[in-house]
N, C-alpha and C. Protein backbone atom coordinates (compact mmCIF):
# COMPACT_ATOMS: atom_id res chain seq x y z
N MET A 1 0.85 -1.18 0.00
CA MET A 1 0.00 0.00 0.00
C MET A 1 0.90 1.25 0.00
N ASN A 2 0.63 2.18 -0.89
CA ASN A 2 1.48 3.37 -0.93
C ASN A 2 1.09 4.34 0.20
N GLN A 3 1.95 5.29 0.44
CA GLN A 3 1.79 6.21 1.58
C GLN A 3 0.49 7.00 1.51
N ASN A 4 0.09 7.48 0.33
CA ASN A 4 -1.14 8.26 0.21
C ASN A 4 -2.37 7.45 0.58
N LYS A 5 -2.39 6.17 0.19
CA LYS A 5 -3.53 5.31 0.52
C LYS A 5 -3.60 5.06 2.02
N VAL A 6 -2.44 4.85 2.64
CA VAL A 6 -2.39 4.63 4.09
C VAL A 6 -2.88 5.87 4.83
N LEU A 7 -2.42 7.05 4.42
CA LEU A 7 -2.84 8.29 5.05
C LEU A 7 -4.34 8.51 4.90
N GLU A 8 -4.86 8.22 3.74
CA GLU A 8 -6.30 8.40 3.50
C GLU A 8 -7.11 7.40 4.33
N LYS A 9 -6.63 6.17 4.44
CA LYS A 9 -7.34 5.13 5.18
C LYS A 9 -7.50 5.50 6.66
N TYR A 10 -6.44 6.08 7.24
CA TYR A 10 -6.45 6.40 8.68
C TYR A 10 -6.69 7.88 8.97
N LYS A 11 -7.20 8.63 8.00
CA LYS A 11 -7.40 10.07 8.15
C LYS A 11 -8.25 10.43 9.36
N ALA A 12 -9.30 9.69 9.63
CA ALA A 12 -10.21 10.00 10.75
C ALA A 12 -9.53 9.79 12.10
N GLU A 13 -8.52 8.93 12.16
CA GLU A 13 -7.85 8.62 13.42
C GLU A 13 -6.64 9.52 13.70
N ARG A 14 -6.21 10.28 12.71
CA ARG A 14 -5.01 11.09 12.85
C ARG A 14 -5.28 12.34 13.68
N THR A 15 -4.27 12.78 14.42
CA THR A 15 -4.33 14.02 15.18
C THR A 15 -3.08 14.83 14.91
N LYS A 16 -3.14 16.12 15.17
CA LYS A 16 -2.00 17.00 14.96
C LYS A 16 -0.96 16.75 16.05
N CYS A 17 0.28 16.68 15.65
CA CYS A 17 1.39 16.48 16.58
C CYS A 17 2.21 17.77 16.63
N ILE A 18 2.36 18.35 17.81
CA ILE A 18 3.13 19.58 17.96
C ILE A 18 4.52 19.21 18.47
N VAL A 19 5.53 19.58 17.71
CA VAL A 19 6.92 19.29 18.04
C VAL A 19 7.51 20.49 18.76
N TYR A 20 8.11 20.25 19.93
CA TYR A 20 8.77 21.29 20.70
C TYR A 20 10.27 21.10 20.63
N THR A 21 11.01 22.19 20.70
CA THR A 21 12.46 22.12 20.77
C THR A 21 12.95 23.14 21.78
N ARG A 22 14.11 22.90 22.34
CA ARG A 22 14.67 23.79 23.35
C ARG A 22 15.40 24.94 22.66
N VAL A 23 15.03 26.16 23.00
CA VAL A 23 15.65 27.35 22.41
C VAL A 23 15.99 28.31 23.54
N MET A 24 17.25 28.63 23.68
CA MET A 24 17.70 29.62 24.67
C MET A 24 17.17 29.32 26.07
N GLY A 25 17.19 28.05 26.48
CA GLY A 25 16.82 27.69 27.84
C GLY A 25 15.36 27.41 28.09
N TYR A 26 14.53 27.47 27.08
CA TYR A 26 13.11 27.14 27.27
C TYR A 26 12.61 26.41 26.03
N HIS A 27 11.46 25.78 26.13
CA HIS A 27 10.89 25.00 25.03
C HIS A 27 9.87 25.82 24.25
N ARG A 28 9.94 25.70 22.92
CA ARG A 28 9.00 26.39 22.03
C ARG A 28 8.51 25.44 20.95
N PRO A 29 7.27 25.59 20.50
CA PRO A 29 6.80 24.74 19.41
C PRO A 29 7.46 25.17 18.09
N VAL A 30 7.90 24.19 17.32
CA VAL A 30 8.57 24.47 16.05
C VAL A 30 7.64 25.19 15.08
N GLU A 31 6.33 24.93 15.16
CA GLU A 31 5.40 25.57 14.24
C GLU A 31 5.34 27.09 14.40
N SER A 32 5.82 27.61 15.54
CA SER A 32 5.81 29.07 15.74
C SER A 32 7.08 29.74 15.21
N PHE A 33 8.02 28.95 14.71
CA PHE A 33 9.26 29.52 14.17
C PHE A 33 9.01 30.24 12.85
N ASN A 34 9.88 31.21 12.55
CA ASN A 34 9.81 31.85 11.23
C ASN A 34 10.44 30.91 10.19
N THR A 35 10.36 31.25 8.93
CA THR A 35 10.81 30.39 7.84
C THR A 35 12.29 30.00 7.98
N GLY A 36 13.14 30.96 8.30
CA GLY A 36 14.57 30.68 8.43
C GLY A 36 14.87 29.73 9.58
N LYS A 37 14.22 29.92 10.70
CA LYS A 37 14.44 29.08 11.87
C LYS A 37 13.93 27.66 11.61
N LYS A 38 12.81 27.52 10.89
CA LYS A 38 12.30 26.19 10.54
C LYS A 38 13.31 25.44 9.67
N GLY A 39 13.92 26.17 8.72
CA GLY A 39 14.94 25.57 7.86
C GLY A 39 16.15 25.12 8.66
N GLU A 40 16.57 25.94 9.61
CA GLU A 40 17.70 25.58 10.47
C GLU A 40 17.36 24.34 11.30
N HIS A 41 16.15 24.27 11.81
CA HIS A 41 15.73 23.12 12.62
C HIS A 41 15.77 21.82 11.81
N ARG A 42 15.36 21.88 10.53
CA ARG A 42 15.38 20.69 9.67
C ARG A 42 16.80 20.22 9.39
N GLU A 43 17.78 21.13 9.39
CA GLU A 43 19.16 20.79 9.07
C GLU A 43 19.97 20.30 10.27
N ARG A 44 19.40 20.34 11.47
CA ARG A 44 20.13 19.92 12.67
C ARG A 44 20.54 18.46 12.60
N LYS A 45 21.70 18.17 13.18
CA LYS A 45 22.19 16.80 13.26
C LYS A 45 21.90 16.28 14.66
N PHE A 46 21.37 15.07 14.74
CA PHE A 46 21.07 14.46 16.03
C PHE A 46 22.12 13.39 16.32
N PHE A 47 22.48 13.24 17.58
CA PHE A 47 23.50 12.28 17.96
C PHE A 47 23.20 11.74 19.35
N LEU A 48 23.82 10.61 19.66
CA LEU A 48 23.73 10.03 20.99
C LEU A 48 24.99 10.41 21.75
N GLU A 49 24.83 10.99 22.92
CA GLU A 49 25.96 11.48 23.68
C GLU A 49 26.97 10.37 23.99
N LYS A 50 26.51 9.22 24.46
CA LYS A 50 27.42 8.12 24.80
C LYS A 50 28.20 7.64 23.58
N ALA A 51 27.53 7.54 22.44
CA ALA A 51 28.20 7.08 21.23
C ALA A 51 29.28 8.07 20.81
N SER A 52 29.03 9.36 20.93
CA SER A 52 30.03 10.34 20.51
C SER A 52 31.21 10.40 21.49
N GLN A 53 30.98 10.09 22.76
CA GLN A 53 32.07 10.09 23.74
C GLN A 53 33.02 8.92 23.52
N THR A 54 32.52 7.78 23.07
CA THR A 54 33.40 6.63 22.84
C THR A 54 34.27 6.81 21.64
N ASN A 55 33.88 7.67 20.70
CA ASN A 55 34.66 7.92 19.50
C ASN A 55 35.69 9.04 19.69
N ALA A 56 35.66 9.71 20.84
CA ALA A 56 36.60 10.82 21.09
C ALA A 56 38.01 10.26 21.28
N ALA A 57 38.97 10.96 20.75
CA ALA A 57 40.36 10.51 20.84
C ALA A 57 41.04 11.04 22.06
């Protein structure tokens, strides 16, 4: 089943998901960001702290 068919099938059960991120010491919803800030948020790299510490020289 392709993605559009799946989305249409479960449309009545779907709800809006608000994503928050930490900015300058407090949490803000990403949907309230301006265009430039939204672009920056999409480009962020995510990492696991423990994994990055084991690779440190």
